[in-house]
Amino acid sequence: MEILTYILQGILVIMFLFAGFGKVTGINMHVEAFNHLGLPQWFRVVTGIVELAGAARIHPVNRIGGPVKILQQRSAA
């Protein structure tokens, strides 16, 4: 079950990275969406930075001790 958790976290990190980079770099889709919603473009950049920070925070490598311990326990058994 823990391996599934790490896989889902990895997928979530990838989604946050793509969305964050898209907003920070100003991909046309995000620029148009923020214009359509009437939001300023600086808010798009801030939102992208927050998404990138969130991706860095939930990345499974930040907690690599868990998967390594699981693999060590399984190989020892």
PDB file of N, CA and C in Angstrom:
ATOM      1  N   MET A   1       0.817  -1.193   0.000  1.00  0.00           N
ATOM      2  CA  MET A   1       0.000   0.000   0.000  1.00  0.00           C
ATOM      3  C   MET A   1       0.867   1.266   0.000  1.00  0.00           C
ATOM      4  N   GLU A   2       2.036   1.182   0.646  1.00  0.00           N
ATOM      5  CA  GLU A   2       2.915   2.352   0.665  1.00  0.00           C
ATOM      6  C   GLU A   2       3.481   2.653  -0.718  1.00  0.00           C
ATOM      7  N   ILE A   3       3.721   1.610  -1.494  1.00  0.00           N
ATOM      8  CA  ILE A   3       4.241   1.819  -2.846  1.00  0.00           C
ATOM      9  C   ILE A   3       3.215   2.554  -3.689  1.00  0.00           C
ATOM     10  N   LEU A   4       1.940   2.206  -3.541  1.00  0.00           N
ATOM     11  CA  LEU A   4       0.873   2.904  -4.256  1.00  0.00           C
ATOM     12  C   LEU A   4       0.848   4.382  -3.863  1.00  0.00           C
ATOM     13  N   THR A   5       1.080   4.657  -2.594  1.00  0.00           N
ATOM     14  CA  THR A   5       1.119   6.039  -2.131  1.00  0.00           C
ATOM     15  C   THR A   5       2.230   6.814  -2.829  1.00  0.00           C
ATOM     16  N   TYR A   6       3.402   6.210  -2.949  1.00  0.00           N
ATOM     17  CA  TYR A   6       4.515   6.884  -3.620  1.00  0.00           C
ATOM     18  C   TYR A   6       4.242   7.084  -5.108  1.00  0.00           C
ATOM     19  N   ILE A   7       3.590   6.131  -5.729  1.00  0.00           N
ATOM     20  CA  ILE A   7       3.249   6.281  -7.150  1.00  0.00           C
ATOM     21  C   ILE A   7       2.274   7.429  -7.342  1.00  0.00           C
ATOM     22  N   LEU A   8       1.243   7.491  -6.497  1.00  0.00           N
ATOM     23  CA  LEU A   8       0.263   8.575  -6.607  1.00  0.00           C
ATOM     24  C   LEU A   8       0.898   9.932  -6.297  1.00  0.00           C
ATOM     25  N   GLN A   9       1.808   9.978  -5.344  1.00  0.00           N
ATOM     26  CA  GLN A   9       2.512  11.223  -5.063  1.00  0.00           C
ATOM     27  C   GLN A   9       3.359  11.650  -6.254  1.00  0.00           C
ATOM     28  N   GLY A  10       3.994  10.691  -6.906  1.00  0.00           N
ATOM     29  CA  GLY A  10       4.790  11.011  -8.088  1.00  0.00           C
ATOM     30  C   GLY A  10       3.940  11.584  -9.208  1.00  0.00           C
ATOM     31  N   ILE A  11       2.775  11.005  -9.422  1.00  0.00           N
ATOM     32  CA  ILE A  11       1.856  11.522 -10.448  1.00  0.00           C
ATOM     33  C   ILE A  11       1.412  12.934 -10.095  1.00  0.00           C
ATOM     34  N   LEU A  12       1.102  13.152  -8.831  1.00  0.00           N
ATOM     35  CA  LEU A  12       0.680  14.481  -8.386  1.00  0.00           C
ATOM     36  C   LEU A  12       1.797  15.506  -8.558  1.00  0.00           C
ATOM     37  N   VAL A  13       3.021  15.106  -8.280  1.00  0.00           N
ATOM     38  CA  VAL A  13       4.169  16.006  -8.461  1.00  0.00           C
ATOM     39  C   VAL A  13       4.308  16.390  -9.923  1.00  0.00           C
ATOM     40  N   ILE A  14       4.168  15.421 -10.818  1.00  0.00           N
ATOM     41  CA  ILE A  14       4.281  15.706 -12.254  1.00  0.00           C
ATOM     42  C   ILE A  14       3.195  16.691 -12.689  1.00  0.00           C
ATOM     43  N   MET A  15       1.974  16.494 -12.189  1.00  0.00           N
ATOM     44  CA  MET A  15       0.883  17.411 -12.542  1.00  0.00           C
ATOM     45  C   MET A  15       1.166  18.829 -12.044  1.00  0.00           C
ATOM     46  N   PHE A  16       1.641  18.950 -10.808  1.00  0.00           N
ATOM     47  CA  PHE A  16       1.985  20.267 -10.261  1.00  0.00           C
ATOM     48  C   PHE A  16       3.119  20.909 -11.051  1.00  0.00           C
ATOM     49  N   LEU A  17       4.123  20.120 -11.437  1.00  0.00           N
ATOM     50  CA  LEU A  17       5.240  20.676 -12.199  1.00  0.00           C
ATOM     51  C   LEU A  17       4.795  21.215 -13.546  1.00  0.00           C
ATOM     52  N   PHE A  18       3.995  20.429 -14.276  1.00  0.00           N
ATOM     53  CA  PHE A  18       3.532  20.891 -15.586  1.00  0.00           C
ATOM     54  C   PHE A  18       2.683  22.152 -15.460  1.00  0.00           C
ATOM     55  N   ALA A  19       1.768  22.166 -14.499  1.00  0.00           N
ATOM     56  CA  ALA A  19       0.911  23.340 -14.333  1.00  0.00           C
ATOM     57  C   ALA A  19       1.726  24.544 -13.872  1.00  0.00           C
ATOM     58  N   GLY A  20       2.642  24.321 -12.940  1.00  0.00           N
ATOM     59  CA  GLY A  20       3.455  25.430 -12.430  1.00  0.00           C
ATOM     60  C   GLY A  20       4.354  26.032 -13.488  1.00  0.00           C
ATOM     61  N   PHE A  21       5.054  25.175 -14.246  1.00  0.00           N
ATOM     62  CA  PHE A  21       5.923  25.690 -15.308  1.00  0.00           C
ATOM     63  C   PHE A  21       5.107  26.397 -16.384  1.00  0.00           C
ATOM     64  N   GLY A  22       3.927  25.876 -16.673  1.00  0.00           N
ATOM     65  CA  GLY A  22       3.069  26.524 -17.663  1.00  0.00           C
ATOM     66  C   GLY A  22       2.661  27.925 -17.250  1.00  0.00           C
ATOM     67  N   LYS A  23       2.344  28.074 -15.984  1.00  0.00           N
ATOM     68  CA  LYS A  23       1.938  29.394 -15.500  1.00  0.00           C
ATOM     69  C   LYS A  23       3.119  30.349 -15.403  1.00  0.00           C
ATOM     70  N   VAL A  24       4.242  29.878 -14.921  1.00  0.00           N
ATOM     71  CA  VAL A  24       5.408  30.756 -14.762  1.00  0.00           C
ATOM     72  C   VAL A  24       5.945  31.202 -16.120  1.00  0.00           C
ATOM     73  N   THR A  25       5.997  30.293 -17.089  1.00  0.00           N
ATOM     74  CA  THR A  25       6.551  30.646 -18.397  1.00  0.00           C
ATOM     75  C   THR A  25       5.553  31.376 -19.279  1.00  0.00           C
ATOM     76  N   GLY A  26       4.287  31.383 -18.916  1.00  0.00           N
ATOM     77  CA  GLY A  26       3.296  32.152 -19.667  1.00  0.00           C
ATOM     78  C   GLY A  26       2.763  31.449 -20.897  1.00  0.00           C
ATOM     79  N   ILE A  27       2.481  30.165 -20.789  1.00  0.00           N
ATOM     80  CA  ILE A  27       1.861  29.440 -21.900  1.00  0.00           C
ATOM     81  C   ILE A  27       0.514  30.089 -22.214  1.00  0.00           C
ATOM     82  N   ASN A  28       0.215  30.189 -23.479  1.00  0.00           N
ATOM     83  CA  ASN A  28      -0.961  30.917 -23.951  1.00  0.00           C
ATOM     84  C   ASN A  28      -2.244  30.466 -23.259  1.00  0.00           C
ATOM     85  N   MET A  29      -2.410  29.182 -23.011  1.00  0.00           N
ATOM     86  CA  MET A  29      -3.623  28.664 -22.379  1.00  0.00           C
ATOM     87  C   MET A  29      -3.828  29.298 -20.996  1.00  0.00           C
ATOM     88  N   HIS A  30      -2.754  29.396 -20.218  1.00  0.00           N
ATOM     89  CA  HIS A  30      -2.872  29.958 -18.877  1.00  0.00           C
ATOM     90  C   HIS A  30      -3.084  31.466 -18.924  1.00  0.00           C
ATOM     91  N   VAL A  31      -2.424  32.140 -19.843  1.00  0.00           N
ATOM     92  CA  VAL A  31      -2.603  33.591 -19.981  1.00  0.00           C
ATOM     93  C   VAL A  31      -4.049  33.902 -20.335  1.00  0.00           C
ATOM     94  N   GLU A  32      -4.593  33.159 -21.284  1.00  0.00           N
ATOM     95  CA  GLU A  32      -5.987  33.381 -21.684  1.00  0.00           C
ATOM     96  C   GLU A  32      -6.953  33.060 -20.555  1.00  0.00           C
ATOM     97  N   ALA A  33      -6.674  32.013 -19.797  1.00  0.00           N
ATOM     98  CA  ALA A  33      -7.563  31.637 -18.689  1.00  0.00           C
ATOM     99  C   ALA A  33      -7.586  32.732 -17.622  1.00  0.00           C
ATOM    100  N   PHE A  34      -6.426  33.276 -17.287  1.00  0.00           N
ATOM    101  CA  PHE A  34      -6.393  34.332 -16.279  1.00  0.00           C
ATOM    102  C   PHE A  34      -7.034  35.609 -16.802  1.00  0.00           C
ATOM    103  N   ASN A  35      -6.873  35.899 -18.098  1.00  0.00           N
ATOM    104  CA  ASN A  35      -7.556  37.055 -18.685  1.00  0.00           C
ATOM    105  C   ASN A  35      -9.063  36.852 -18.661  1.00  0.00           C
ATOM    106  N   HIS A  36      -9.511  35.656 -18.998  1.00  0.00           N
ATOM    107  CA  HIS A  36     -10.944  35.341 -19.018  1.00  0.00           C
ATOM    108  C   HIS A  36     -11.559  35.491 -17.627  1.00  0.00           C
ATOM    109  N   LEU A  37     -10.818  35.089 -16.609  1.00  0.00           N
ATOM    110  CA  LEU A  37     -11.318  35.189 -15.236  1.00  0.00           C
ATOM    111  C   LEU A  37     -11.152  36.589 -14.651  1.00  0.00           C
ATOM    112  N   GLY A  38     -10.466  37.470 -15.377  1.00  0.00           N
ATOM    113  CA  GLY A  38     -10.271  38.835 -14.926  1.00  0.00           C
ATOM    114  C   GLY A  38      -9.205  38.968 -13.847  1.00  0.00           C
ATOM    115  N   LEU A  39      -8.291  38.029 -13.817  1.00  0.00           N
ATOM    116  CA  LEU A  39      -7.223  38.055 -12.820  1.00  0.00           C
ATOM    117  C   LEU A  39      -5.970  38.679 -13.428  1.00  0.00           C
ATOM    118  N   PRO A  40      -5.182  39.374 -12.619  1.00  0.00           N
ATOM    119  CA  PRO A  40      -3.953  39.981 -13.144  1.00  0.00           C
ATOM    120  C   PRO A  40      -2.895  38.919 -13.458  1.00  0.00           C
ATOM    121  N   GLN A  41      -2.000  39.255 -14.361  1.00  0.00           N
ATOM    122  CA  GLN A  41      -0.981  38.300 -14.792  1.00  0.00           C
ATOM    123  C   GLN A  41       0.058  38.032 -13.706  1.00  0.00           C
ATOM    124  N   TRP A  42       0.292  38.957 -12.800  1.00  0.00           N
ATOM    125  CA  TRP A  42       1.229  38.693 -11.709  1.00  0.00           C
ATOM    126  C   TRP A  42       0.703  37.572 -10.821  1.00  0.00           C
ATOM    127  N   PHE A  43      -0.629  37.473 -10.725  1.00  0.00           N
ATOM    128  CA  PHE A  43      -1.226  36.408  -9.914  1.00  0.00           C
ATOM    129  C   PHE A  43      -0.994  35.044 -10.562  1.00  0.00           C
ATOM    130  N   ARG A  44      -0.937  35.004 -11.895  1.00  0.00           N
ATOM    131  CA  ARG A  44      -0.619  33.769 -12.613  1.00  0.00           C
ATOM    132  C   ARG A  44       0.784  33.296 -12.255  1.00  0.00           C
ATOM    133  N   VAL A  45       1.728  34.226 -12.217  1.00  0.00           N
ATOM    134  CA  VAL A  45       3.111  33.874 -11.887  1.00  0.00           C
ATOM    135  C   VAL A  45       3.209  33.393 -10.440  1.00  0.00           C
ATOM    136  N   VAL A  46       2.543  34.092  -9.529  1.00  0.00           N
ATOM    137  CA  VAL A  46       2.563  33.698  -8.119  1.00  0.00           C
ATOM    138  C   VAL A  46       1.946  32.316  -7.950  1.00  0.00           C
ATOM    139  N   THR A  47       0.835  32.065  -8.639  1.00  0.00           N
ATOM    140  CA  THR A  47       0.192  30.756  -8.576  1.00  0.00           C
ATOM    141  C   THR A  47       1.129  29.671  -9.093  1.00  0.00           C
ATOM    142  N   GLY A  48       1.848  29.946 -10.174  1.00  0.00           N
ATOM    143  CA  GLY A  48       2.804  28.979 -10.708  1.00  0.00           C
ATOM    144  C   GLY A  48       3.935  28.688  -9.740  1.00  0.00           C
ATOM    145  N   ILE A  49       4.430  29.723  -9.064  1.00  0.00           N
ATOM    146  CA  ILE A  49       5.502  29.527  -8.088  1.00  0.00           C
ATOM    147  C   ILE A  49       5.009  28.690  -6.914  1.00  0.00           C
ATOM    148  N   VAL A  50       3.788  28.942  -6.476  1.00  0.00           N
ATOM    149  CA  VAL A  50       3.214  28.151  -5.379  1.00  0.00           C
ATOM    150  C   VAL A  50       3.045  26.691  -5.806  1.00  0.00           C
ATOM    151  N   GLU A  51       2.630  26.460  -7.040  1.00  0.00           N
ATOM    152  CA  GLU A  51       2.492  25.087  -7.526  1.00  0.00           C
ATOM    153  C   GLU A  51       3.846  24.385  -7.598  1.00  0.00           C
ATOM    154  N   LEU A  52       4.868  25.089  -8.039  1.00  0.00           N
ATOM    155  CA  LEU A  52       6.206  24.497  -8.081  1.00  0.00           C
ATOM    156  C   LEU A  52       6.727  24.193  -6.672  1.00  0.00           C
ATOM    157  N   ALA A  53       6.460  25.096  -5.735  1.00  0.00           N
ATOM    158  CA  ALA A  53       6.868  24.845  -4.348  1.00  0.00           C
ATOM    159  C   ALA A  53       6.109  23.660  -3.768  1.00  0.00           C
ATOM    160  N   GLY A  54       4.842  23.528  -4.118  1.00  0.00           N
ATOM    161  CA  GLY A  54       4.061  22.390  -3.652  1.00  0.00           C
ATOM    162  C   GLY A  54       4.585  21.081  -4.215  1.00  0.00           C
ATOM    163  N   ALA A  55       4.998  21.106  -5.472  1.00  0.00           N
ATOM    164  CA  ALA A  55       5.561  19.898  -6.082  1.00  0.00           C
ATOM    165  C   ALA A  55       6.853  19.499  -5.387  1.00  0.00           C
ATOM    166  N   ALA A  56       7.662  20.482  -5.033  1.00  0.00           N
ATOM    167  CA  ALA A  56       8.914  20.181  -4.338  1.00  0.00           C
ATOM    168  C   ALA A  56       8.643  19.639  -2.942  1.00  0.00           C
ATOM    169  N   ARG A  57       7.570  20.097  -2.335  1.00  0.00           N
ATOM    170  CA  ARG A  57       7.263  19.685  -0.965  1.00  0.00           C
ATOM    171  C   ARG A  57       6.727  18.250  -0.894  1.00  0.00           C
ATOM    172  N   ILE A  58       5.920  17.846  -1.870  1.00  0.00           N
ATOM    173  CA  ILE A  58       5.322  16.512  -1.787  1.00  0.00           C
ATOM    174  C   ILE A  58       6.095  15.463  -2.569  1.00  0.00           C
ATOM    175  N   HIS A  59       7.208  15.843  -3.152  1.00  0.00           N
ATOM    176  CA  HIS A  59       7.977  14.882  -3.928  1.00  0.00           C
ATOM    177  C   HIS A  59       8.451  13.740  -3.031  1.00  0.00           C
ATOM    178  N   PRO A  60       8.235  12.494  -3.437  1.00  0.00           N
ATOM    179  CA  PRO A  60       8.604  11.346  -2.595  1.00  0.00           C
ATOM    180  C   PRO A  60      10.095  11.251  -2.286  1.00  0.00           C
ATOM    181  N   VAL A  61      10.951  11.836  -3.103  1.00  0.00           N
ATOM    182  CA  VAL A  61      12.390  11.767  -2.852  1.00  0.00           C
ATOM    183  C   VAL A  61      12.731  12.509  -1.562  1.00  0.00           C
ATOM    184  N   ASN A  62      11.912  13.489  -1.178  1.00  0.00           N
ATOM    185  CA  ASN A  62      12.151  14.207   0.069  1.00  0.00           C
ATOM    186  C   ASN A  62      12.041  13.285   1.278  1.00  0.00           C
ATOM    187  N   ARG A  63      11.335  12.165   1.102  1.00  0.00           N
ATOM    188  CA  ARG A  63      11.172  11.209   2.189  1.00  0.00           C
ATOM    189  C   ARG A  63      11.667   9.842   1.728  1.00  0.00           C
ATOM    190  N   ILE A  64      12.862   9.795   1.200  1.00  0.00           N
ATOM    191  CA  ILE A  64      13.405   8.582   0.592  1.00  0.00           C
ATOM    192  C   ILE A  64      13.654   7.491   1.624  1.00  0.00           C
ATOM    193  N   GLY A  65      13.737   7.854   2.879  1.00  0.00           N
ATOM    194  CA  GLY A  65      13.990   6.850   3.905  1.00  0.00           C
ATOM    195  C   GLY A  65      12.918   5.776   3.948  1.00  0.00           C
ATOM    196  N   GLY A  66      11.670   6.126   3.706  1.00  0.00           N
ATOM    197  CA  GLY A  66      10.572   5.164   3.731  1.00  0.00           C
ATOM    198  C   GLY A  66      10.718   4.067   2.692  1.00  0.00           C
ATOM    199  N   PRO A  67      10.846   4.407   1.408  1.00  0.00           N
ATOM    200  CA  PRO A  67      10.979   3.355   0.393  1.00  0.00           C
ATOM    201  C   PRO A  67      12.236   2.517   0.556  1.00  0.00           C
ATOM    202  N   VAL A  68      13.322   3.145   0.994  1.00  0.00           N
ATOM    203  CA  VAL A  68      14.566   2.391   1.174  1.00  0.00           C
ATOM    204  C   VAL A  68      14.388   1.364   2.289  1.00  0.00           C
ATOM    205  N   LYS A  69      13.738   1.755   3.374  1.00  0.00           N
ATOM    206  CA  LYS A  69      13.497   0.829   4.472  1.00  0.00           C
ATOM    207  C   LYS A  69      12.596  -0.325   4.039  1.00  0.00           C
ATOM    208  N   ILE A  70      11.591  -0.025   3.223  1.00  0.00           N
ATOM    209  CA  ILE A  70      10.697  -1.080   2.738  1.00  0.00           C
ATOM    210  C   ILE A  70      11.487  -2.087   1.908  1.00  0.00           C
ATOM    211  N   LEU A  71      12.323  -1.602   1.013  1.00  0.00           N
ATOM    212  CA  LEU A  71      13.103  -2.501   0.161  1.00  0.00           C
ATOM    213  C   LEU A  71      14.109  -3.312   0.986  1.00  0.00           C
ATOM    214  N   GLN A  72      14.690  -2.695   2.003  1.00  0.00           N
ATOM    215  CA  GLN A  72      15.624  -3.422   2.856  1.00  0.00           C
ATOM    216  C   GLN A  72      14.914  -4.512   3.641  1.00  0.00           C
ATOM    217  N   GLN A  73      13.731  -4.228   4.128  1.00  0.00           N
ATOM    218  CA  GLN A  73      12.988  -5.224   4.880  1.00  0.00           C
ATOM    219  C   GLN A  73      12.571  -6.390   3.998  1.00  0.00           C
ATOM    220  N   ARG A  74      12.167  -6.092   2.784  1.00  0.00           N
ATOM    221  CA  ARG A  74      11.716  -7.160   1.886  1.00  0.00           C
ATOM    222  C   ARG A  74      12.882  -8.011   1.420  1.00  0.00           C
ATOM    223  N   SER A  75      14.039  -7.400   1.220  1.00  0.00           N
ATOM    224  CA  SER A  75      15.197  -8.190   0.762  1.00  0.00           C
ATOM    225  C   SER A  75      15.779  -9.026   1.896  1.00  0.00           C
ATOM    226  N   ALA A  76      15.607  -8.579   3.128  1.00  0.00           N
ATOM    227  CA  ALA A  76      16.120  -9.314   4.279  1.00  0.00           C
ATOM    228  C   ALA A  76      15.240 -10.519   4.623  1.00  0.00           C
ATOM    229  N   ALA A  77      13.978 -10.455   4.230  1.00  0.00           N
ATOM    230  CA  ALA A  77      13.036 -11.525   4.603  1.00  0.00           C
ATOM    231  C   ALA A  77      13.176 -12.749   3.720  1.00  0.00           C
TER     232      ALA A  77
END
